[in-house]
Each structure stands twice: as structure tokens, then as C-alpha cells.
Amino acid sequence: MAGDEILTSVLGEKTRYVRGKGYGKKPPKKSRLQQENIEARVSSAMAIMRQEMQTDMDQKLQEDREKMAEELQRKLDEECVHMSVEFQEQMAAFMTSMQQAQGS
């Protein structure tokens, strides 16, 4: 006798029965379906929250970058004004010393 014939003689013919594998997967119970539904909702909510947090962080980072750029530009402008004033003072002192040297 072949293996299939032995199984048929021992187990008999059964519908939805896969030889050597049993009846296969059982349909999920209602509670399991509800649990999977809840898990899917929680996962979706977490993904949405993660995306919102990422968007907020990106926006805050952009604002911080803009503030830093403005502060840097302000400092550069102040330094430029300071250097210009210092240069003019040095030029005035140089011109005065040149005039005094020519006058003596």
C-alpha cells in the first residue's frame, strides 16, 4: 500500500483535509480580528504621530537655522562697520602724520 492509501484507510476521506498537514489554518476568531484591528489602528496612529513630530522638528530646525543666519549676518554687519570706522581712523591718522611731515 502507498502512503496515501494508508492515510485514506486510517483517516478516511475528509473534506478540506490536506494529507500530512491536517485541516490547515483555522479562520481567525472575532477577538483575534478585533485585536489585529486595534493593533493596525495603533500602528497607524503612531505613524501619524511620528510624521507630525518629524514635521515639527523639521520646522523648528529651519527656524533655528534662520535665526542663526540672521544673527551671523548681524554680527558680520557690525564687524564690517567696526572695521570701516577703524580703517577711516587709521587713514585720518596717517594723513595727519603725512601732513605734519610735509609741514616740517
PDB file of N, CA and C in Angstrom:
ATOM      1  N   MET A   1       0.836  -1.185   0.000  1.00  0.00           N
ATOM      2  CA  MET A   1       0.000   0.000   0.000  1.00  0.00           C
ATOM      3  C   MET A   1       0.880   1.246   0.000  1.00  0.00           C
ATOM      4  N   ALA A   2       0.414   2.236  -0.719  1.00  0.00           N
ATOM      5  CA  ALA A   2       1.119   3.511  -0.784  1.00  0.00           C
ATOM      6  C   ALA A   2       0.748   4.349   0.432  1.00  0.00           C
ATOM      7  N   GLY A   3       1.538   5.389   0.682  1.00  0.00           N
ATOM      8  CA  GLY A   3       1.304   6.255   1.835  1.00  0.00           C
ATOM      9  C   GLY A   3      -0.064   6.894   1.826  1.00  0.00           C
ATOM     10  N   ASP A   4      -0.509   7.356   0.659  1.00  0.00           N
ATOM     11  CA  ASP A   4      -1.825   7.989   0.565  1.00  0.00           C
ATOM     12  C   ASP A   4      -2.935   6.996   0.854  1.00  0.00           C
ATOM     13  N   GLU A   5      -2.768   5.769   0.389  1.00  0.00           N
ATOM     14  CA  GLU A   5      -3.792   4.746   0.621  1.00  0.00           C
ATOM     15  C   GLU A   5      -3.876   4.411   2.098  1.00  0.00           C
ATOM     16  N   ILE A   6      -2.741   4.352   2.771  1.00  0.00           N
ATOM     17  CA  ILE A   6      -2.736   4.069   4.205  1.00  0.00           C
ATOM     18  C   ILE A   6      -3.448   5.195   4.945  1.00  0.00           C
ATOM     19  N   LEU A   7      -3.124   6.440   4.603  1.00  0.00           N
ATOM     20  CA  LEU A   7      -3.786   7.579   5.249  1.00  0.00           C
ATOM     21  C   LEU A   7      -5.284   7.545   5.010  1.00  0.00           C
ATOM     22  N   THR A   8      -5.701   7.222   3.794  1.00  0.00           N
ATOM     23  CA  THR A   8      -7.125   7.171   3.485  1.00  0.00           C
ATOM     24  C   THR A   8      -7.798   6.069   4.279  1.00  0.00           C
ATOM     25  N   SER A   9      -7.142   4.911   4.400  1.00  0.00           N
ATOM     26  CA  SER A   9      -7.762   3.810   5.135  1.00  0.00           C
ATOM     27  C   SER A   9      -7.826   4.112   6.625  1.00  0.00           C
ATOM     28  N   VAL A  10      -6.823   4.791   7.165  1.00  0.00           N
ATOM     29  CA  VAL A  10      -6.811   5.106   8.600  1.00  0.00           C
ATOM     30  C   VAL A  10      -7.706   6.304   8.894  1.00  0.00           C
ATOM     31  N   LEU A  11      -7.527   7.373   8.131  1.00  0.00           N
ATOM     32  CA  LEU A  11      -8.251   8.613   8.412  1.00  0.00           C
ATOM     33  C   LEU A  11      -9.581   8.693   7.690  1.00  0.00           C
ATOM     34  N   GLY A  12      -9.691   8.017   6.599  1.00  0.00           N
ATOM     35  CA  GLY A  12     -10.900   8.132   5.802  1.00  0.00           C
ATOM     36  C   GLY A  12     -10.831   9.394   4.965  1.00  0.00           C
ATOM     37  N   GLU A  13     -11.788   9.517   4.059  1.00  0.00           N
ATOM     38  CA  GLU A  13     -11.860  10.698   3.205  1.00  0.00           C
ATOM     39  C   GLU A  13     -12.478  11.843   4.001  1.00  0.00           C
ATOM     40  N   LYS A  14     -11.803  12.972   4.050  1.00  0.00           N
ATOM     41  CA  LYS A  14     -12.319  14.137   4.770  1.00  0.00           C
ATOM     42  C   LYS A  14     -12.215  15.344   3.857  1.00  0.00           C
ATOM     43  N   THR A  15     -13.214  16.181   3.894  1.00  0.00           N
ATOM     44  CA  THR A  15     -13.172  17.395   3.088  1.00  0.00           C
ATOM     45  C   THR A  15     -12.252  18.410   3.766  1.00  0.00           C
ATOM     46  N   ARG A  16     -11.625  19.234   2.967  1.00  0.00           N
ATOM     47  CA  ARG A  16     -10.725  20.285   3.432  1.00  0.00           C
ATOM     48  C   ARG A  16      -9.550  19.735   4.234  1.00  0.00           C
ATOM     49  N   TYR A  17      -9.237  18.484   4.050  1.00  0.00           N
ATOM     50  CA  TYR A  17      -8.127  17.882   4.777  1.00  0.00           C
ATOM     51  C   TYR A  17      -6.967  17.700   3.830  1.00  0.00           C
ATOM     52  N   VAL A  18      -5.809  18.262   4.185  1.00  0.00           N
ATOM     53  CA  VAL A  18      -4.610  18.116   3.372  1.00  0.00           C
ATOM     54  C   VAL A  18      -3.781  17.007   3.999  1.00  0.00           C
ATOM     55  N   ARG A  19      -3.511  16.005   3.243  1.00  0.00           N
ATOM     56  CA  ARG A  19      -2.803  14.841   3.781  1.00  0.00           C
ATOM     57  C   ARG A  19      -1.445  15.261   4.354  1.00  0.00           C
ATOM     58  N   GLY A  20      -1.227  14.833   5.581  1.00  0.00           N
ATOM     59  CA  GLY A  20       0.022  15.131   6.246  1.00  0.00           C
ATOM     60  C   GLY A  20       0.089  16.525   6.835  1.00  0.00           C
ATOM     61  N   LYS A  21      -0.906  17.352   6.563  1.00  0.00           N
ATOM     62  CA  LYS A  21      -0.875  18.732   7.046  1.00  0.00           C
ATOM     63  C   LYS A  21      -2.053  19.057   7.951  1.00  0.00           C
ATOM     64  N   GLY A  22      -3.013  18.219   8.031  1.00  0.00           N
ATOM     65  CA  GLY A  22      -4.179  18.489   8.863  1.00  0.00           C
ATOM     66  C   GLY A  22      -5.168  19.374   8.141  1.00  0.00           C
ATOM     67  N   TYR A  23      -5.980  20.063   8.902  1.00  0.00           N
ATOM     68  CA  TYR A  23      -7.054  20.879   8.326  1.00  0.00           C
ATOM     69  C   TYR A  23      -6.589  22.272   7.907  1.00  0.00           C
ATOM     70  N   GLY A  24      -5.338  22.584   8.113  1.00  0.00           N
ATOM     71  CA  GLY A  24      -4.840  23.893   7.701  1.00  0.00           C
ATOM     72  C   GLY A  24      -5.185  24.971   8.712  1.00  0.00           C
ATOM     73  N   LYS A  25      -5.014  26.206   8.305  1.00  0.00           N
ATOM     74  CA  LYS A  25      -5.280  27.330   9.206  1.00  0.00           C
ATOM     75  C   LYS A  25      -6.764  27.463   9.463  1.00  0.00           C
ATOM     76  N   LYS A  26      -7.072  27.719  10.696  1.00  0.00           N
ATOM     77  CA  LYS A  26      -8.463  27.993  11.047  1.00  0.00           C
ATOM     78  C   LYS A  26      -8.710  29.479  10.839  1.00  0.00           C
ATOM     79  N   PRO A  27      -9.911  29.813  10.458  1.00  0.00           N
ATOM     80  CA  PRO A  27     -10.207  31.238  10.318  1.00  0.00           C
ATOM     81  C   PRO A  27     -10.033  31.932  11.665  1.00  0.00           C
ATOM     82  N   PRO A  28      -9.554  33.175  11.652  1.00  0.00           N
ATOM     83  CA  PRO A  28      -9.336  33.874  12.918  1.00  0.00           C
ATOM     84  C   PRO A  28     -10.651  34.110  13.660  1.00  0.00           C
ATOM     85  N   LYS A  29     -10.541  34.054  14.957  1.00  0.00           N
ATOM     86  CA  LYS A  29     -11.717  34.303  15.789  1.00  0.00           C
ATOM     87  C   LYS A  29     -11.984  35.799  15.834  1.00  0.00           C
ATOM     88  N   LYS A  30     -13.179  36.145  16.278  1.00  0.00           N
ATOM     89  CA  LYS A  30     -13.593  37.547  16.321  1.00  0.00           C
ATOM     90  C   LYS A  30     -12.657  38.368  17.207  1.00  0.00           C
ATOM     91  N   SER A  31     -12.292  37.807  18.357  1.00  0.00           N
ATOM     92  CA  SER A  31     -11.410  38.552  19.266  1.00  0.00           C
ATOM     93  C   SER A  31     -10.046  38.794  18.623  1.00  0.00           C
ATOM     94  N   ARG A  32      -9.568  37.808  17.869  1.00  0.00           N
ATOM     95  CA  ARG A  32      -8.284  37.982  17.193  1.00  0.00           C
ATOM     96  C   ARG A  32      -8.397  39.050  16.112  1.00  0.00           C
ATOM     97  N   LEU A  33      -9.505  39.057  15.383  1.00  0.00           N
ATOM     98  CA  LEU A  33      -9.727  40.086  14.371  1.00  0.00           C
ATOM     99  C   LEU A  33      -9.770  41.469  15.013  1.00  0.00           C
ATOM    100  N   GLN A  34     -10.452  41.562  16.157  1.00  0.00           N
ATOM    101  CA  GLN A  34     -10.520  42.841  16.859  1.00  0.00           C
ATOM    102  C   GLN A  34      -9.130  43.275  17.313  1.00  0.00           C
ATOM    103  N   GLN A  35      -8.358  42.326  17.842  1.00  0.00           N
ATOM    104  CA  GLN A  35      -7.000  42.641  18.293  1.00  0.00           C
ATOM    105  C   GLN A  35      -6.149  43.132  17.127  1.00  0.00           C
ATOM    106  N   GLU A  36      -6.232  42.456  15.994  1.00  0.00           N
ATOM    107  CA  GLU A  36      -5.468  42.874  14.824  1.00  0.00           C
ATOM    108  C   GLU A  36      -5.915  44.251  14.345  1.00  0.00           C
ATOM    109  N   ASN A  37      -7.223  44.500  14.420  1.00  0.00           N
ATOM    110  CA  ASN A  37      -7.756  45.805  14.027  1.00  0.00           C
ATOM    111  C   ASN A  37      -7.217  46.901  14.951  1.00  0.00           C
ATOM    112  N   ILE A  38      -7.217  46.622  16.245  1.00  0.00           N
ATOM    113  CA  ILE A  38      -6.704  47.594  17.220  1.00  0.00           C
ATOM    114  C   ILE A  38      -5.214  47.838  16.980  1.00  0.00           C
ATOM    115  N   GLU A  39      -4.473  46.757  16.758  1.00  0.00           N
ATOM    116  CA  GLU A  39      -3.040  46.902  16.507  1.00  0.00           C
ATOM    117  C   GLU A  39      -2.781  47.723  15.247  1.00  0.00           C
ATOM    118  N   ALA A  40      -3.593  47.510  14.230  1.00  0.00           N
ATOM    119  CA  ALA A  40      -3.435  48.280  12.992  1.00  0.00           C
ATOM    120  C   ALA A  40      -3.721  49.755  13.240  1.00  0.00           C
ATOM    121  N   ARG A  41      -4.758  50.041  14.024  1.00  0.00           N
ATOM    122  CA  ARG A  41      -5.084  51.443  14.333  1.00  0.00           C
ATOM    123  C   ARG A  41      -3.971  52.101  15.136  1.00  0.00           C
ATOM    124  N   VAL A  42      -3.472  51.371  16.145  1.00  0.00           N
ATOM    125  CA  VAL A  42      -2.394  51.915  16.975  1.00  0.00           C
ATOM    126  C   VAL A  42      -1.156  52.175  16.115  1.00  0.00           C
ATOM    127  N   SER A  43      -0.840  51.224  15.264  1.00  0.00           N
ATOM    128  CA  SER A  43       0.313  51.390  14.381  1.00  0.00           C
ATOM    129  C   SER A  43       0.135  52.603  13.473  1.00  0.00           C
ATOM    130  N   SER A  44      -1.064  52.762  12.937  1.00  0.00           N
ATOM    131  CA  SER A  44      -1.353  53.903  12.072  1.00  0.00           C
ATOM    132  C   SER A  44      -1.247  55.217  12.851  1.00  0.00           C
ATOM    133  N   ALA A  45      -1.809  55.231  14.061  1.00  0.00           N
ATOM    134  CA  ALA A  45      -1.749  56.440  14.888  1.00  0.00           C
ATOM    135  C   ALA A  45      -0.303  56.785  15.236  1.00  0.00           C
ATOM    136  N   MET A  46       0.493  55.760  15.531  1.00  0.00           N
ATOM    137  CA  MET A  46       1.903  56.004  15.849  1.00  0.00           C
ATOM    138  C   MET A  46       2.643  56.558  14.636  1.00  0.00           C
ATOM    139  N   ALA A  47       2.334  56.040  13.468  1.00  0.00           N
ATOM    140  CA  ALA A  47       2.983  56.540  12.252  1.00  0.00           C
ATOM    141  C   ALA A  47       2.609  57.998  12.009  1.00  0.00           C
ATOM    142  N   ILE A  48       1.342  58.330  12.236  1.00  0.00           N
ATOM    143  CA  ILE A  48       0.888  59.718  12.060  1.00  0.00           C
ATOM    144  C   ILE A  48       1.587  60.628  13.067  1.00  0.00           C
ATOM    145  N   MET A  49       1.640  60.191  14.327  1.00  0.00           N
ATOM    146  CA  MET A  49       2.299  60.993  15.362  1.00  0.00           C
ATOM    147  C   MET A  49       3.788  61.163  15.044  1.00  0.00           C
ATOM    148  N   ARG A  50       4.418  60.091  14.577  1.00  0.00           N
ATOM    149  CA  ARG A  50       5.833  60.160  14.226  1.00  0.00           C
ATOM    150  C   ARG A  50       6.042  61.168  13.102  1.00  0.00           C
ATOM    151  N   GLN A  51       5.146  61.146  12.119  1.00  0.00           N
ATOM    152  CA  GLN A  51       5.252  62.086  10.996  1.00  0.00           C
ATOM    153  C   GLN A  51       5.048  63.525  11.472  1.00  0.00           C
ATOM    154  N   GLU A  52       4.064  63.732  12.362  1.00  0.00           N
ATOM    155  CA  GLU A  52       3.821  65.078  12.894  1.00  0.00           C
ATOM    156  C   GLU A  52       5.025  65.570  13.687  1.00  0.00           C
ATOM    157  N   MET A  53       5.598  64.675  14.503  1.00  0.00           N
ATOM    158  CA  MET A  53       6.772  65.058  15.281  1.00  0.00           C
ATOM    159  C   MET A  53       7.940  65.400  14.362  1.00  0.00           C
ATOM    160  N   GLN A  54       8.105  64.619  13.307  1.00  0.00           N
ATOM    161  CA  GLN A  54       9.183  64.887  12.353  1.00  0.00           C
ATOM    162  C   GLN A  54       8.976  66.238  11.681  1.00  0.00           C
ATOM    163  N   THR A  55       7.726  66.528  11.302  1.00  0.00           N
ATOM    164  CA  THR A  55       7.412  67.808  10.670  1.00  0.00           C
ATOM    165  C   THR A  55       7.696  68.960  11.628  1.00  0.00           C
ATOM    166  N   ASP A  56       7.273  68.805  12.895  1.00  0.00           N
ATOM    167  CA  ASP A  56       7.528  69.841  13.898  1.00  0.00           C
ATOM    168  C   ASP A  56       9.028  70.057  14.103  1.00  0.00           C
ATOM    169  N   MET A  57       9.770  68.963  14.179  1.00  0.00           N
ATOM    170  CA  MET A  57      11.215  69.078  14.376  1.00  0.00           C
ATOM    171  C   MET A  57      11.880  69.737  13.167  1.00  0.00           C
ATOM    172  N   ASP A  58      11.437  69.374  11.972  1.00  0.00           N
ATOM    173  CA  ASP A  58      11.993  69.999  10.766  1.00  0.00           C
ATOM    174  C   ASP A  58      11.710  71.498  10.752  1.00  0.00           C
ATOM    175  N   GLN A  59      10.486  71.873  11.143  1.00  0.00           N
ATOM    176  CA  GLN A  59      10.111  73.286  11.166  1.00  0.00           C
ATOM    177  C   GLN A  59      10.945  74.039  12.208  1.00  0.00           C
ATOM    178  N   LYS A  60      11.094  73.450  13.396  1.00  0.00           N
ATOM    179  CA  LYS A  60      11.885  74.092  14.447  1.00  0.00           C
ATOM    180  C   LYS A  60      13.344  74.225  14.010  1.00  0.00           C
ATOM    181  N   LEU A  61      13.868  73.188  13.381  1.00  0.00           N
ATOM    182  CA  LEU A  61      15.242  73.235  12.897  1.00  0.00           C
ATOM    183  C   LEU A  61      15.412  74.332  11.855  1.00  0.00           C
ATOM    184  N   GLN A  62      14.444  74.471  10.964  1.00  0.00           N
ATOM    185  CA  GLN A  62      14.506  75.519   9.941  1.00  0.00           C
ATOM    186  C   GLN A  62      14.469  76.904  10.590  1.00  0.00           C
ATOM    187  N   GLU A  63      13.590  77.081  11.594  1.00  0.00           N
ATOM    188  CA  GLU A  63      13.515  78.362  12.298  1.00  0.00           C
ATOM    189  C   GLU A  63      14.839  78.670  12.995  1.00  0.00           C
ATOM    190  N   ASP A  64      15.430  77.649  13.634  1.00  0.00           N
ATOM    191  CA  ASP A  64      16.716  77.848  14.310  1.00  0.00           C
ATOM    192  C   ASP A  64      17.807  78.230  13.313  1.00  0.00           C
ATOM    193  N   ARG A  65      17.794  77.582  12.160  1.00  0.00           N
ATOM    194  CA  ARG A  65      18.785  77.920  11.127  1.00  0.00           C
ATOM    195  C   ARG A  65      18.621  79.365  10.671  1.00  0.00           C
ATOM    196  N   GLU A  66      17.369  79.782  10.472  1.00  0.00           N
ATOM    197  CA  GLU A  66      17.119  81.158  10.041  1.00  0.00           C
ATOM    198  C   GLU A  66      17.576  82.152  11.100  1.00  0.00           C
ATOM    199  N   LYS A  67      17.297  81.856  12.381  1.00  0.00           N
ATOM    200  CA  LYS A  67      17.737  82.741  13.462  1.00  0.00           C
ATOM    201  C   LYS A  67      19.261  82.821  13.506  1.00  0.00           C
ATOM    202  N   MET A  68      19.915  81.678  13.361  1.00  0.00           N
ATOM    203  CA  MET A  68      21.377  81.667  13.376  1.00  0.00           C
ATOM    204  C   MET A  68      21.939  82.458  12.199  1.00  0.00           C
ATOM    205  N   ALA A  69      21.322  82.320  11.034  1.00  0.00           N
ATOM    206  CA  ALA A  69      21.788  83.059   9.854  1.00  0.00           C
ATOM    207  C   ALA A  69      21.604  84.556  10.063  1.00  0.00           C
ATOM    208  N   GLU A  70      20.469  84.957  10.633  1.00  0.00           N
ATOM    209  CA  GLU A  70      20.225  86.377  10.903  1.00  0.00           C
ATOM    210  C   GLU A  70      21.237  86.913  11.913  1.00  0.00           C
ATOM    211  N   GLU A  71      21.499  86.137  12.969  1.00  0.00           N
ATOM    212  CA  GLU A  71      22.453  86.556  13.994  1.00  0.00           C
ATOM    213  C   GLU A  71      23.857  86.674  13.401  1.00  0.00           C
ATOM    214  N   LEU A  72      24.235  85.717  12.587  1.00  0.00           N
ATOM    215  CA  LEU A  72      25.545  85.762  11.948  1.00  0.00           C
ATOM    216  C   LEU A  72      25.657  86.970  11.025  1.00  0.00           C
ATOM    217  N   GLN A  73      24.619  87.232  10.252  1.00  0.00           N
ATOM    218  CA  GLN A  73      24.636  88.383   9.343  1.00  0.00           C
ATOM    219  C   GLN A  73      24.728  89.686  10.132  1.00  0.00           C
ATOM    220  N   ARG A  74      23.996  89.770  11.252  1.00  0.00           N
ATOM    221  CA  ARG A  74      24.046  90.971  12.094  1.00  0.00           C
ATOM    222  C   ARG A  74      25.457  91.176  12.641  1.00  0.00           C
ATOM    223  N   LYS A  75      26.075  90.092  13.116  1.00  0.00           N
ATOM    224  CA  LYS A  75      27.434  90.204  13.647  1.00  0.00           C
ATOM    225  C   LYS A  75      28.423  90.600  12.554  1.00  0.00           C
ATOM    226  N   LEU A  76      28.248  90.017  11.373  1.00  0.00           N
ATOM    227  CA  LEU A  76      29.130  90.385  10.262  1.00  0.00           C
ATOM    228  C   LEU A  76      28.963  91.856   9.889  1.00  0.00           C
ATOM    229  N   ASP A  77      27.728  92.336   9.865  1.00  0.00           N
ATOM    230  CA  ASP A  77      27.477  93.748   9.563  1.00  0.00           C
ATOM    231  C   ASP A  77      28.116  94.653  10.613  1.00  0.00           C
ATOM    232  N   GLU A  78      27.975  94.283  11.899  1.00  0.00           N
ATOM    233  CA  GLU A  78      28.582  95.074  12.965  1.00  0.00           C
ATOM    234  C   GLU A  78      30.104  95.092  12.822  1.00  0.00           C
ATOM    235  N   GLU A  79      30.668  93.940  12.532  1.00  0.00           N
ATOM    236  CA  GLU A  79      32.122  93.853  12.374  1.00  0.00           C
ATOM    237  C   GLU A  79      32.581  94.671  11.175  1.00  0.00           C
ATOM    238  N   CYS A  80      31.805  94.648  10.107  1.00  0.00           N
ATOM    239  CA  CYS A  80      32.143  95.430   8.913  1.00  0.00           C
ATOM    240  C   CYS A  80      32.127  96.925   9.237  1.00  0.00           C
ATOM    241  N   VAL A  81      31.121  97.371   9.966  1.00  0.00           N
ATOM    242  CA  VAL A  81      31.039  98.782  10.358  1.00  0.00           C
ATOM    243  C   VAL A  81      32.227  99.131  11.251  1.00  0.00           C
ATOM    244  N   HIS A  82      32.519  98.263  12.206  1.00  0.00           N
ATOM    245  CA  HIS A  82      33.641  98.499  13.120  1.00  0.00           C
ATOM    246  C   HIS A  82      34.957  98.584  12.345  1.00  0.00           C
ATOM    247  N   MET A  83      35.171  97.680  11.414  1.00  0.00           N
ATOM    248  CA  MET A  83      36.402  97.682  10.614  1.00  0.00           C
ATOM    249  C   MET A  83      36.475  98.940   9.751  1.00  0.00           C
ATOM    250  N   SER A  84      35.345  99.359   9.204  1.00  0.00           N
ATOM    251  CA  SER A  84      35.316 100.555   8.368  1.00  0.00           C
ATOM    252  C   SER A  84      35.680 101.789   9.188  1.00  0.00           C
ATOM    253  N   VAL A  85      35.104 101.909  10.379  1.00  0.00           N
ATOM    254  CA  VAL A  85      35.414 103.043  11.259  1.00  0.00           C
ATOM    255  C   VAL A  85      36.890 103.020  11.639  1.00  0.00           C
ATOM    256  N   GLU A  86      37.389 101.847  11.990  1.00  0.00           N
ATOM    257  CA  GLU A  86      38.797 101.727  12.381  1.00  0.00           C
ATOM    258  C   GLU A  86      39.715 102.089  11.210  1.00  0.00           C
ATOM    259  N   PHE A  87      39.366 101.647  10.020  1.00  0.00           N
ATOM    260  CA  PHE A  87      40.164 101.967   8.833  1.00  0.00           C
ATOM    261  C   PHE A  87      40.168 103.474   8.580  1.00  0.00           C
ATOM    262  N   GLN A  88      39.002 104.105   8.702  1.00  0.00           N
ATOM    263  CA  GLN A  88      38.921 105.552   8.484  1.00  0.00           C
ATOM    264  C   GLN A  88      39.752 106.300   9.519  1.00  0.00           C
ATOM    265  N   GLU A  89      39.726 105.841  10.771  1.00  0.00           N
ATOM    266  CA  GLU A  89      40.523 106.486  11.811  1.00  0.00           C
ATOM    267  C   GLU A  89      42.017 106.343  11.519  1.00  0.00           C
ATOM    268  N   GLN A  90      42.416 105.158  11.082  1.00  0.00           N
ATOM    269  CA  GLN A  90      43.829 104.944  10.762  1.00  0.00           C
ATOM    270  C   GLN A  90      44.255 105.788   9.566  1.00  0.00           C
ATOM    271  N   MET A  91      43.370 105.881   8.564  1.00  0.00           N
ATOM    272  CA  MET A  91      43.683 106.710   7.393  1.00  0.00           C
ATOM    273  C   MET A  91      43.789 108.181   7.792  1.00  0.00           C
ATOM    274  N   ALA A  92      42.893 108.634   8.656  1.00  0.00           N
ATOM    275  CA  ALA A  92      42.944 110.029   9.109  1.00  0.00           C
ATOM    276  C   ALA A  92      44.240 110.281   9.876  1.00  0.00           C
ATOM    277  N   ALA A  93      44.624 109.339  10.727  1.00  0.00           N
ATOM    278  CA  ALA A  93      45.872 109.488  11.483  1.00  0.00           C
ATOM    279  C   ALA A  93      47.064 109.477  10.535  1.00  0.00           C
ATOM    280  N   PHE A  94      47.040 108.614   9.542  1.00  0.00           N
ATOM    281  CA  PHE A  94      48.126 108.547   8.563  1.00  0.00           C
ATOM    282  C   PHE A  94      48.223 109.852   7.782  1.00  0.00           C
ATOM    283  N   MET A  95      47.083 110.372   7.336  1.00  0.00           N
ATOM    284  CA  MET A  95      47.069 111.621   6.568  1.00  0.00           C
ATOM    285  C   MET A  95      47.572 112.775   7.434  1.00  0.00           C
ATOM    286  N   THR A  96      47.185 112.797   8.687  1.00  0.00           N
ATOM    287  CA  THR A  96      47.645 113.850   9.593  1.00  0.00           C
ATOM    288  C   THR A  96      49.158 113.770   9.763  1.00  0.00           C
ATOM    289  N   SER A  97      49.660 112.560   9.953  1.00  0.00           N
ATOM    290  CA  SER A  97      51.116 112.419  10.123  1.00  0.00           C
ATOM    291  C   SER A  97      51.852 112.784   8.841  1.00  0.00           C
ATOM    292  N   MET A  98      51.276 112.493   7.686  1.00  0.00           N
ATOM    293  CA  MET A  98      51.896 112.859   6.406  1.00  0.00           C
ATOM    294  C   MET A  98      51.916 114.379   6.241  1.00  0.00           C
ATOM    295  N   GLN A  99      50.822 115.035   6.620  1.00  0.00           N
ATOM    296  CA  GLN A  99      50.763 116.495   6.504  1.00  0.00           C
ATOM    297  C   GLN A  99      51.762 117.139   7.455  1.00  0.00           C
ATOM    298  N   GLN A 100      51.890 116.589   8.640  1.00  0.00           N
ATOM    299  CA  GLN A 100      52.843 117.146   9.598  1.00  0.00           C
ATOM    300  C   GLN A 100      54.276 116.932   9.110  1.00  0.00           C
ATOM    301  N   ALA A 101      54.514 115.803   8.480  1.00  0.00           N
ATOM    302  CA  ALA A 101      55.862 115.521   7.974  1.00  0.00           C
ATOM    303  C   ALA A 101      56.202 116.465   6.830  1.00  0.00           C
ATOM    304  N   GLN A 102      55.240 116.816   5.990  1.00  0.00           N
ATOM    305  CA  GLN A 102      55.480 117.735   4.884  1.00  0.00           C
ATOM    306  C   GLN A 102      55.628 119.169   5.399  1.00  0.00           C
ATOM    307  N   GLY A 103      54.922 119.461   6.472  1.00  0.00           N
ATOM    308  CA  GLY A 103      54.958 120.817   7.012  1.00  0.00           C
ATOM    309  C   GLY A 103      56.236 121.121   7.765  1.00  0.00           C
ATOM    310  N   SER A 104      56.949 120.126   8.209  1.00  0.00           N
ATOM    311  CA  SER A 104      58.149 120.435   8.968  1.00  0.00           C
ATOM    312  C   SER A 104      59.366 120.597   8.150  1.00  0.00           C
TER     313      SER A 104
END
